Amino acid sequence: MKKLDNLLDKNRKIEEKIKAFGELLSELSSTEDKKKALWKEIYENAASDRERASILFTEAFKSMTGGSAEHATVGSVMSKYLERMCKSNDQILHLADLISKAEKTESNVNPDDIFSKISEE
């Protein structure tokens, strides 16, 4: 029962992170909605992949009782889980870079735009 509660708690935390990420994306007014949806989907996939790999890694780690034969068998699987978590982290970092660039684009003030707005009034 405790294990299920922990999994549900982790799932809630992931849902909260995804919601916060969606709110961050909604603040980008000049970014296309299709791009925002794709970024959100990438984030959701990366976060859930990372969490699943973490759970599997933990379970594999618990199953090792210290024998070198078990380490040889389970060690390569654990390595794959770590690689998956690393790739997920890389995806999230790349998304952060894309969003940062989008925010910079929005915050740049073009003097021609200011002049044209002044001229209209």
C-alpha atoms as a PDB file:
ATOM      1  CA  MET A   1       0.000   0.000   0.000  1.00  0.00           C
ATOM      2  CA  LYS A   2       2.843   2.398   0.862  1.00  0.00           C
ATOM      3  CA  LYS A   3       4.474   1.691  -2.481  1.00  0.00           C
ATOM      4  CA  LEU A   4       1.245   2.583  -4.297  1.00  0.00           C
ATOM      5  CA  ASP A   5       0.927   5.801  -2.284  1.00  0.00           C
ATOM      6  CA  ASN A   6       4.502   6.745  -3.223  1.00  0.00           C
ATOM      7  CA  LEU A   7       3.799   6.101  -6.907  1.00  0.00           C
ATOM      8  CA  LEU A   8       0.603   8.169  -6.757  1.00  0.00           C
ATOM      9  CA  ASP A   9       2.473  10.978  -5.001  1.00  0.00           C
ATOM     10  CA  LYS A  10       5.198  10.949  -7.666  1.00  0.00           C
ATOM     11  CA  ASN A  11       2.519  10.972 -10.364  1.00  0.00           C
ATOM     12  CA  ARG A  12       0.867  14.023  -8.768  1.00  0.00           C
ATOM     13  CA  LYS A  13       4.210  15.818  -8.678  1.00  0.00           C
ATOM     14  CA  ILE A  14       4.765  15.089 -12.363  1.00  0.00           C
ATOM     15  CA  GLU A  15       1.262  16.376 -13.141  1.00  0.00           C
ATOM     16  CA  GLU A  16       2.026  19.579 -11.202  1.00  0.00           C
ATOM     17  CA  LYS A  17       5.285  20.056 -13.106  1.00  0.00           C
ATOM     18  CA  ILE A  18       3.498  19.534 -16.425  1.00  0.00           C
ATOM     19  CA  LYS A  19       0.831  22.049 -15.419  1.00  0.00           C
ATOM     20  CA  ALA A  20       3.492  24.601 -14.434  1.00  0.00           C
ATOM     21  CA  PHE A  21       5.280  23.999 -17.725  1.00  0.00           C
ATOM     22  CA  GLY A  22       1.999  24.577 -19.598  1.00  0.00           C
ATOM     23  CA  GLU A  23       1.531  27.855 -17.715  1.00  0.00           C
ATOM     24  CA  LEU A  24       5.045  28.909 -18.683  1.00  0.00           C
ATOM     25  CA  LEU A  25       4.277  28.167 -22.318  1.00  0.00           C
ATOM     26  CA  SER A  26       1.019  30.127 -22.199  1.00  0.00           C
ATOM     27  CA  GLU A  27       3.029  33.248 -21.298  1.00  0.00           C
ATOM     28  CA  LEU A  28       4.821  33.096 -24.667  1.00  0.00           C
ATOM     29  CA  SER A  29       2.469  35.208 -26.750  1.00  0.00           C
ATOM     30  CA  SER A  30       4.482  35.256 -29.965  1.00  0.00           C
ATOM     31  CA  THR A  31       5.060  31.496 -30.101  1.00  0.00           C
ATOM     32  CA  GLU A  32       2.681  29.449 -32.238  1.00  0.00           C
ATOM     33  CA  ASP A  33       0.144  27.274 -30.427  1.00  0.00           C
ATOM     34  CA  LYS A  34       1.241  24.226 -32.426  1.00  0.00           C
ATOM     35  CA  LYS A  35       4.810  24.705 -31.233  1.00  0.00           C
ATOM     36  CA  LYS A  36       3.643  25.148 -27.642  1.00  0.00           C
ATOM     37  CA  ALA A  37       1.611  21.930 -27.852  1.00  0.00           C
ATOM     38  CA  LEU A  38       4.589  20.048 -29.257  1.00  0.00           C
ATOM     39  CA  TRP A  39       6.890  21.406 -26.549  1.00  0.00           C
ATOM     40  CA  LYS A  40       4.389  20.407 -23.868  1.00  0.00           C
ATOM     41  CA  GLU A  41       4.098  16.902 -25.295  1.00  0.00           C
ATOM     42  CA  ILE A  42       7.893  16.574 -25.415  1.00  0.00           C
ATOM     43  CA  TYR A  43       8.088  17.710 -21.800  1.00  0.00           C
ATOM     44  CA  GLU A  44       5.352  15.279 -20.703  1.00  0.00           C
ATOM     45  CA  ASN A  45       7.083  12.386 -22.463  1.00  0.00           C
ATOM     46  CA  ALA A  46      10.515  13.264 -21.083  1.00  0.00           C
ATOM     47  CA  ALA A  47       9.213  13.658 -17.525  1.00  0.00           C
ATOM     48  CA  SER A  48       7.263  10.392 -17.577  1.00  0.00           C
ATOM     49  CA  ASP A  49      10.136   8.519 -19.301  1.00  0.00           C
ATOM     50  CA  ARG A  50      12.512   9.772 -16.631  1.00  0.00           C
ATOM     51  CA  GLU A  51      10.154   8.734 -13.844  1.00  0.00           C
ATOM     52  CA  ARG A  52       9.520   5.267 -15.298  1.00  0.00           C
ATOM     53  CA  ALA A  53      13.239   4.685 -15.814  1.00  0.00           C
ATOM     54  CA  SER A  54      13.903   5.821 -12.245  1.00  0.00           C
ATOM     55  CA  ILE A  55      11.340   3.369 -10.875  1.00  0.00           C
ATOM     56  CA  LEU A  56      12.767   0.515 -12.948  1.00  0.00           C
ATOM     57  CA  PHE A  57      16.325   1.418 -11.942  1.00  0.00           C
ATOM     58  CA  THR A  58      15.348   1.436  -8.262  1.00  0.00           C
ATOM     59  CA  GLU A  59      13.621  -1.938  -8.583  1.00  0.00           C
ATOM     60  CA  ALA A  60      16.638  -3.429 -10.371  1.00  0.00           C
ATOM     61  CA  PHE A  61      18.967  -1.984  -7.745  1.00  0.00           C
ATOM     62  CA  LYS A  62      16.884  -3.488  -4.951  1.00  0.00           C
ATOM     63  CA  SER A  63      16.975  -6.887  -6.630  1.00  0.00           C
ATOM     64  CA  MET A  64      20.774  -6.994  -6.570  1.00  0.00           C
ATOM     65  CA  THR A  65      21.899  -8.720  -3.403  1.00  0.00           C
ATOM     66  CA  GLY A  66      25.591  -8.221  -4.001  1.00  0.00           C
ATOM     67  CA  GLY A  67      26.659 -11.150  -6.121  1.00  0.00           C
ATOM     68  CA  SER A  68      28.939 -10.435  -9.054  1.00  0.00           C
ATOM     69  CA  ALA A  69      26.812 -12.659 -11.298  1.00  0.00           C
ATOM     70  CA  GLU A  70      23.742 -10.564 -10.523  1.00  0.00           C
ATOM     71  CA  HIS A  71      25.699  -7.391 -11.140  1.00  0.00           C
ATOM     72  CA  ALA A  72      26.803  -8.676 -14.527  1.00  0.00           C
ATOM     73  CA  THR A  73      23.214  -9.540 -15.416  1.00  0.00           C
ATOM     74  CA  VAL A  74      21.370  -6.561 -13.943  1.00  0.00           C
ATOM     75  CA  GLY A  75      24.143  -3.978 -14.321  1.00  0.00           C
ATOM     76  CA  SER A  76      23.719  -3.559 -18.066  1.00  0.00           C
ATOM     77  CA  VAL A  77      19.958  -3.132 -17.649  1.00  0.00           C
ATOM     78  CA  MET A  78      20.506  -0.538 -14.945  1.00  0.00           C
ATOM     79  CA  SER A  79      22.896   1.266 -17.266  1.00  0.00           C
ATOM     80  CA  LYS A  80      20.144   1.476 -19.902  1.00  0.00           C
ATOM     81  CA  TYR A  81      17.777   2.995 -17.341  1.00  0.00           C
ATOM     82  CA  LEU A  82      20.387   5.597 -16.420  1.00  0.00           C
ATOM     83  CA  GLU A  83      20.898   6.397 -20.112  1.00  0.00           C
ATOM     84  CA  ARG A  84      17.134   6.874 -20.520  1.00  0.00           C
ATOM     85  CA  MET A  85      17.027   9.241 -17.564  1.00  0.00           C
ATOM     86  CA  CYS A  86      19.990  11.175 -18.978  1.00  0.00           C
ATOM     87  CA  LYS A  87      18.329  11.472 -22.407  1.00  0.00           C
ATOM     88  CA  SER A  88      15.152  12.716 -20.758  1.00  0.00           C
ATOM     89  CA  ASN A  89      17.141  15.323 -18.856  1.00  0.00           C
ATOM     90  CA  ASP A  90      18.840  16.386 -22.092  1.00  0.00           C
ATOM     91  CA  GLN A  91      15.435  16.791 -23.765  1.00  0.00           C
ATOM     92  CA  ILE A  92      14.223  18.978 -20.919  1.00  0.00           C
ATOM     93  CA  LEU A  93      17.389  21.086 -21.042  1.00  0.00           C
ATOM     94  CA  HIS A  94      16.981  21.519 -24.798  1.00  0.00           C
ATOM     95  CA  LEU A  95      13.359  22.621 -24.258  1.00  0.00           C
ATOM     96  CA  ALA A  96      14.543  25.125 -21.663  1.00  0.00           C
ATOM     97  CA  ASP A  97      16.976  26.531 -24.221  1.00  0.00           C
ATOM     98  CA  LEU A  98      14.233  26.808 -26.864  1.00  0.00           C
ATOM     99  CA  ILE A  99      11.904  28.550 -24.443  1.00  0.00           C
ATOM    100  CA  SER A 100      14.658  30.906 -23.322  1.00  0.00           C
ATOM    101  CA  LYS A 101      15.284  31.876 -26.944  1.00  0.00           C
ATOM    102  CA  ALA A 102      11.546  32.412 -27.478  1.00  0.00           C
ATOM    103  CA  GLU A 103      11.384  34.635 -24.393  1.00  0.00           C
ATOM    104  CA  LYS A 104      14.350  36.680 -25.605  1.00  0.00           C
ATOM    105  CA  THR A 105      12.694  37.115 -28.993  1.00  0.00           C
ATOM    106  CA  GLU A 106       9.558  38.430 -27.296  1.00  0.00           C
ATOM    107  CA  SER A 107      11.488  40.821 -25.076  1.00  0.00           C
ATOM    108  CA  ASN A 108      13.547  42.358 -27.875  1.00  0.00           C
ATOM    109  CA  VAL A 109      12.325  45.801 -28.752  1.00  0.00           C
ATOM    110  CA  ASN A 110      12.579  46.699 -32.397  1.00  0.00           C
ATOM    111  CA  PRO A 111      13.057  50.479 -32.857  1.00  0.00           C
ATOM    112  CA  ASP A 112      11.173  50.349 -36.171  1.00  0.00           C
ATOM    113  CA  ASP A 113       8.137  48.861 -34.388  1.00  0.00           C
ATOM    114  CA  ILE A 114       8.207  51.628 -31.804  1.00  0.00           C
ATOM    115  CA  PHE A 115       8.504  54.274 -34.512  1.00  0.00           C
ATOM    116  CA  SER A 116       5.613  52.809 -36.504  1.00  0.00           C
ATOM    117  CA  LYS A 117       3.413  52.706 -33.380  1.00  0.00           C
ATOM    118  CA  ILE A 118       4.259  56.317 -32.584  1.00  0.00           C
ATOM    119  CA  SER A 119       3.565  57.334 -36.188  1.00  0.00           C
ATOM    120  CA  GLU A 120       0.101  55.730 -36.106  1.00  0.00           C
ATOM    121  CA  GLU A 121      -1.022  57.823 -33.141  1.00  0.00           C
END
